[in-house]
């Protein structure tokens, strides 16, 4: 979903460096996988086509922080069903 973001913090020897991978367009998502000692962060379309991929040595990765996109629908209060009384 547009707005999905993953931060990867990598140890570079004398400090750390942060990389951001962001779903840039509507319908794209960011996937994280750990394959054979390599952390892969990929931006993927709805159909599964890879747009871009970041690869990091898993031994050097300090943190992986996932920021899901905020859903506008979740901000609106849900209406109670007419057949059920409100608990609030």
N, C-alpha and C. Protein backbone atom coordinates (compact mmCIF):
# COMPACT_ATOMS: atom_id res chain seq x y z
N UNK A 1 0.85 -1.17 0.00
CA UNK A 1 0.00 0.00 0.00
C UNK A 1 0.89 1.23 0.00
N UNK A 2 0.54 2.23 -0.76
CA UNK A 2 1.35 3.44 -0.82
C UNK A 2 1.52 4.00 0.59
N UNK A 3 2.75 4.29 0.93
CA UNK A 3 3.04 4.80 2.26
C UNK A 3 3.72 3.78 3.15
N UNK A 4 3.67 2.49 2.76
CA UNK A 4 4.42 1.49 3.51
C UNK A 4 5.88 1.86 3.46
N UNK A 5 6.55 1.70 4.61
CA UNK A 5 7.96 2.09 4.66
C UNK A 5 8.70 1.13 5.58
N UNK A 6 9.93 0.79 5.20
CA UNK A 6 10.79 -0.05 6.03
C UNK A 6 12.13 0.66 6.18
N UNK A 7 12.57 0.79 7.43
CA UNK A 7 13.88 1.35 7.72
C UNK A 7 14.81 0.19 8.08
N UNK A 8 16.01 0.19 7.50
CA UNK A 8 17.00 -0.82 7.83
C UNK A 8 18.22 -0.08 8.36
N UNK A 9 18.63 -0.42 9.59
CA UNK A 9 19.81 0.19 10.21
C UNK A 9 20.94 -0.82 10.10
N UNK A 10 22.05 -0.39 9.46
CA UNK A 10 23.17 -1.28 9.17
C UNK A 10 24.43 -0.77 9.86
N UNK A 11 25.20 -1.69 10.45
CA UNK A 11 26.48 -1.37 11.05
C UNK A 11 27.51 -1.21 9.93
N UNK A 12 28.19 -0.06 9.88
CA UNK A 12 29.19 0.18 8.83
C UNK A 12 30.61 0.24 9.39
N UNK A 13 30.80 -0.27 10.59
CA UNK A 13 32.13 -0.31 11.18
C UNK A 13 32.34 0.77 12.22
N UNK A 14 32.29 2.03 11.82
CA UNK A 14 32.51 3.13 12.75
C UNK A 14 31.21 3.83 13.14
N UNK A 15 30.09 3.21 12.84
CA UNK A 15 28.79 3.79 13.17
C UNK A 15 27.69 2.99 12.49
N UNK A 16 26.56 3.63 12.31
CA UNK A 16 25.45 2.98 11.62
C UNK A 16 24.94 3.87 10.50
N UNK A 17 24.29 3.24 9.55
CA UNK A 17 23.68 3.98 8.43
C UNK A 17 22.26 3.46 8.27
N UNK A 18 21.32 4.37 8.01
CA UNK A 18 19.92 4.01 7.89
C UNK A 18 19.48 4.11 6.43
N UNK A 19 18.81 3.07 5.97
CA UNK A 19 18.26 3.04 4.62
C UNK A 19 16.74 2.96 4.72
N UNK A 20 16.03 3.72 3.89
CA UNK A 20 14.57 3.71 3.84
C UNK A 20 14.13 3.14 2.50
N UNK A 21 13.24 2.17 2.55
CA UNK A 21 12.62 1.64 1.35
C UNK A 21 11.13 1.93 1.48
N UNK A 22 10.56 2.63 0.48
CA UNK A 22 9.19 3.13 0.56
C UNK A 22 8.39 2.64 -0.64
N UNK A 23 7.12 2.27 -0.40
CA UNK A 23 6.20 1.97 -1.50
C UNK A 23 5.78 3.31 -2.09
N UNK A 24 6.25 3.60 -3.30
CA UNK A 24 6.12 4.94 -3.88
C UNK A 24 4.80 5.21 -4.58
N UNK A 25 4.10 4.18 -5.00
CA UNK A 25 2.85 4.38 -5.73
C UNK A 25 1.73 3.55 -5.13
N UNK A 26 0.51 3.93 -5.46
CA UNK A 26 -0.65 3.19 -4.97
C UNK A 26 -0.61 1.76 -5.50
N UNK A 27 -0.96 0.82 -4.66
CA UNK A 27 -0.99 -0.57 -5.07
C UNK A 27 0.30 -1.31 -4.85
N UNK A 28 1.34 -0.62 -4.43
CA UNK A 28 2.61 -1.29 -4.17
C UNK A 28 2.77 -1.53 -2.68
N UNK A 29 3.56 -2.53 -2.36
CA UNK A 29 3.82 -2.85 -0.96
C UNK A 29 5.31 -3.15 -0.79
N UNK A 30 5.74 -3.18 0.46
CA UNK A 30 7.14 -3.47 0.77
C UNK A 30 7.18 -4.81 1.50
N UNK A 31 8.01 -5.73 1.01
CA UNK A 31 8.14 -7.05 1.62
C UNK A 31 9.56 -7.22 2.15
N UNK A 32 9.67 -7.90 3.29
CA UNK A 32 10.96 -8.17 3.92
C UNK A 32 11.15 -9.68 3.98
N UNK A 33 12.34 -10.17 3.55
CA UNK A 33 12.63 -11.60 3.65
C UNK A 33 14.10 -11.79 4.03
N UNK A 34 14.34 -12.87 4.73
CA UNK A 34 15.69 -13.22 5.15
C UNK A 34 16.06 -14.50 4.43
N UNK A 35 16.99 -14.41 3.47
CA UNK A 35 17.34 -15.54 2.62
C UNK A 35 18.84 -15.76 2.66
N UNK A 36 19.26 -16.92 3.18
CA UNK A 36 20.67 -17.33 3.19
C UNK A 36 21.62 -16.27 3.72
N UNK A 37 21.31 -15.70 4.85
CA UNK A 37 22.20 -14.71 5.46
C UNK A 37 22.12 -13.34 4.84
N UNK A 38 21.12 -13.12 3.99
CA UNK A 38 20.92 -11.82 3.35
C UNK A 38 19.51 -11.34 3.65
N UNK A 39 19.40 -10.11 4.09
CA UNK A 39 18.10 -9.50 4.32
C UNK A 39 17.71 -8.76 3.04
N UNK A 40 16.56 -9.11 2.47
CA UNK A 40 16.08 -8.47 1.25
C UNK A 40 14.83 -7.66 1.56
N UNK A 41 14.82 -6.40 1.16
CA UNK A 41 13.65 -5.55 1.30
C UNK A 41 13.26 -5.12 -0.11
N UNK A 42 12.05 -5.50 -0.53
CA UNK A 42 11.63 -5.30 -1.91
C UNK A 42 10.34 -4.50 -2.00
N UNK A 43 10.27 -3.64 -3.00
CA UNK A 43 9.02 -2.97 -3.34
C UNK A 43 8.38 -3.79 -4.45
N UNK A 44 7.12 -4.19 -4.23
CA UNK A 44 6.45 -5.13 -5.12
C UNK A 44 5.12 -4.54 -5.58
N UNK A 45 4.76 -4.78 -6.85
CA UNK A 45 3.47 -4.32 -7.37
C UNK A 45 2.37 -5.30 -6.96
N UNK A 46 1.14 -4.97 -7.30
CA UNK A 46 0.00 -5.85 -6.98
C UNK A 46 0.15 -7.23 -7.58
N UNK A 47 0.72 -7.29 -8.77
CA UNK A 47 0.86 -8.57 -9.47
C UNK A 47 2.10 -9.35 -9.06
N UNK A 48 2.92 -8.79 -8.18
CA UNK A 48 4.09 -9.51 -7.69
C UNK A 48 5.39 -9.19 -8.41
N UNK A 49 5.38 -8.21 -9.29
CA UNK A 49 6.59 -7.83 -10.02
C UNK A 49 7.46 -6.96 -9.12
N UNK A 50 8.74 -7.32 -9.01
CA UNK A 50 9.67 -6.54 -8.20
C UNK A 50 10.00 -5.23 -8.89
N UNK A 51 9.91 -4.13 -8.15
CA UNK A 51 10.24 -2.82 -8.69
C UNK A 51 11.67 -2.47 -8.31
N UNK A 52 12.00 -2.63 -7.02
CA UNK A 52 13.36 -2.39 -6.56
C UNK A 52 13.61 -3.26 -5.34
N UNK A 53 14.88 -3.60 -5.13
CA UNK A 53 15.25 -4.47 -4.02
C UNK A 53 16.50 -3.93 -3.35
N UNK A 54 16.50 -3.94 -2.02
CA UNK A 54 17.69 -3.61 -1.25
C UNK A 54 18.16 -4.87 -0.55
N UNK A 55 19.46 -5.19 -0.65
CA UNK A 55 20.00 -6.40 -0.03
C UNK A 55 21.08 -6.01 0.96
N UNK A 56 21.00 -6.62 2.14
CA UNK A 56 21.93 -6.29 3.21
C UNK A 56 22.42 -7.60 3.84
N UNK A 57 23.68 -7.62 4.27
CA UNK A 57 24.21 -8.78 4.98
C UNK A 57 23.51 -8.85 6.34
N UNK A 58 22.89 -9.98 6.63
CA UNK A 58 22.12 -10.11 7.87
C UNK A 58 22.99 -9.92 9.10
N UNK A 59 24.27 -10.27 9.03
CA UNK A 59 25.17 -10.12 10.17
C UNK A 59 25.44 -8.65 10.49
N UNK A 60 25.27 -7.77 9.51
CA UNK A 60 25.52 -6.34 9.70
C UNK A 60 24.26 -5.55 10.04
N UNK A 61 23.08 -6.14 9.90
CA UNK A 61 21.83 -5.44 10.17
C UNK A 61 21.63 -5.31 11.68
N UNK A 62 21.45 -4.08 12.14
CA UNK A 62 21.21 -3.81 13.55
C UNK A 62 19.72 -3.84 13.84
N UNK A 63 18.91 -3.24 12.97
CA UNK A 63 17.46 -3.18 13.20
C UNK A 63 16.71 -3.09 11.88
N UNK A 64 15.51 -3.65 11.89
CA UNK A 64 14.57 -3.52 10.77
C UNK A 64 13.28 -2.98 11.37
N UNK A 65 12.88 -1.78 10.94
CA UNK A 65 11.71 -1.11 11.49
C UNK A 65 10.68 -0.97 10.38
N UNK A 66 9.53 -1.60 10.57
CA UNK A 66 8.47 -1.54 9.57
C UNK A 66 7.43 -0.51 9.99
N UNK A 67 7.10 0.38 9.06
CA UNK A 67 6.08 1.41 9.27
C UNK A 67 4.95 1.17 8.28
N UNK A 68 3.86 0.51 8.70
CA UNK A 68 2.76 0.31 7.75
C UNK A 68 2.07 1.63 7.44
N UNK A 69 1.49 1.70 6.26
CA UNK A 69 0.77 2.91 5.84
C UNK A 69 -0.43 3.10 6.73
N UNK A 70 -0.75 4.36 7.01
CA UNK A 70 -1.93 4.65 7.81
C UNK A 70 -3.16 4.50 6.92
N UNK A 71 -4.13 3.82 7.42
CA UNK A 71 -5.36 3.57 6.67
C UNK A 71 -6.38 4.63 7.03
N UNK A 72 -6.84 5.39 6.03
CA UNK A 72 -7.81 6.45 6.29
C UNK A 72 -9.11 5.88 6.84
N UNK A 73 -9.45 4.66 6.44
CA UNK A 73 -10.70 4.06 6.89
C UNK A 73 -10.67 3.78 8.39
N UNK A 74 -9.50 3.49 8.95
CA UNK A 74 -9.44 3.15 10.38
C UNK A 74 -9.63 4.38 11.26
N UNK A 75 -9.47 5.59 10.73
CA UNK A 75 -9.63 6.80 11.51
C UNK A 75 -11.10 7.11 11.77
N UNK A 76 -11.99 6.66 10.91
CA UNK A 76 -13.42 6.93 11.07
C UNK A 76 -14.00 5.95 12.08
N UNK A 77 -14.84 6.42 12.97
CA UNK A 77 -15.46 5.49 13.92
C UNK A 77 -16.42 4.55 13.20
N UNK A 78 -16.44 3.31 13.65
CA UNK A 78 -17.33 2.33 13.04
C UNK A 78 -18.74 2.52 13.56
N UNK A 79 -19.71 2.34 12.67
CA UNK A 79 -21.11 2.43 13.07
C UNK A 79 -21.54 1.09 13.65
N UNK A 80 -22.33 1.14 14.70
CA UNK A 80 -22.84 -0.08 15.31
C UNK A 80 -23.93 -0.66 14.42
N UNK A 81 -23.99 -1.96 14.39
CA UNK A 81 -25.04 -2.62 13.62
C UNK A 81 -26.37 -2.34 14.27
N UNK A 82 -27.43 -2.21 13.47
CA UNK A 82 -28.75 -1.86 14.01
C UNK A 82 -29.32 -2.97 14.88
N UNK A 83 -28.88 -4.20 14.64
CA UNK A 83 -29.42 -5.32 15.40
C UNK A 83 -28.71 -5.52 16.74
N UNK A 84 -27.57 -4.84 16.93
CA UNK A 84 -26.81 -5.03 18.16
C UNK A 84 -26.79 -3.72 18.95
N UNK A 85 -27.00 -3.79 20.25
CA UNK A 85 -26.90 -2.57 21.06
C UNK A 85 -25.43 -2.17 21.23
N UNK A 86 -25.21 -0.89 21.41
CA UNK A 86 -23.86 -0.39 21.61
C UNK A 86 -23.37 -0.73 23.01
N UNK A 87 -22.11 -1.11 23.12
CA UNK A 87 -21.53 -1.46 24.41
C UNK A 87 -20.90 -0.23 25.07
N UNK A 88 -20.81 0.85 24.35
CA UNK A 88 -20.16 2.05 24.90
C UNK A 88 -21.16 3.06 25.40
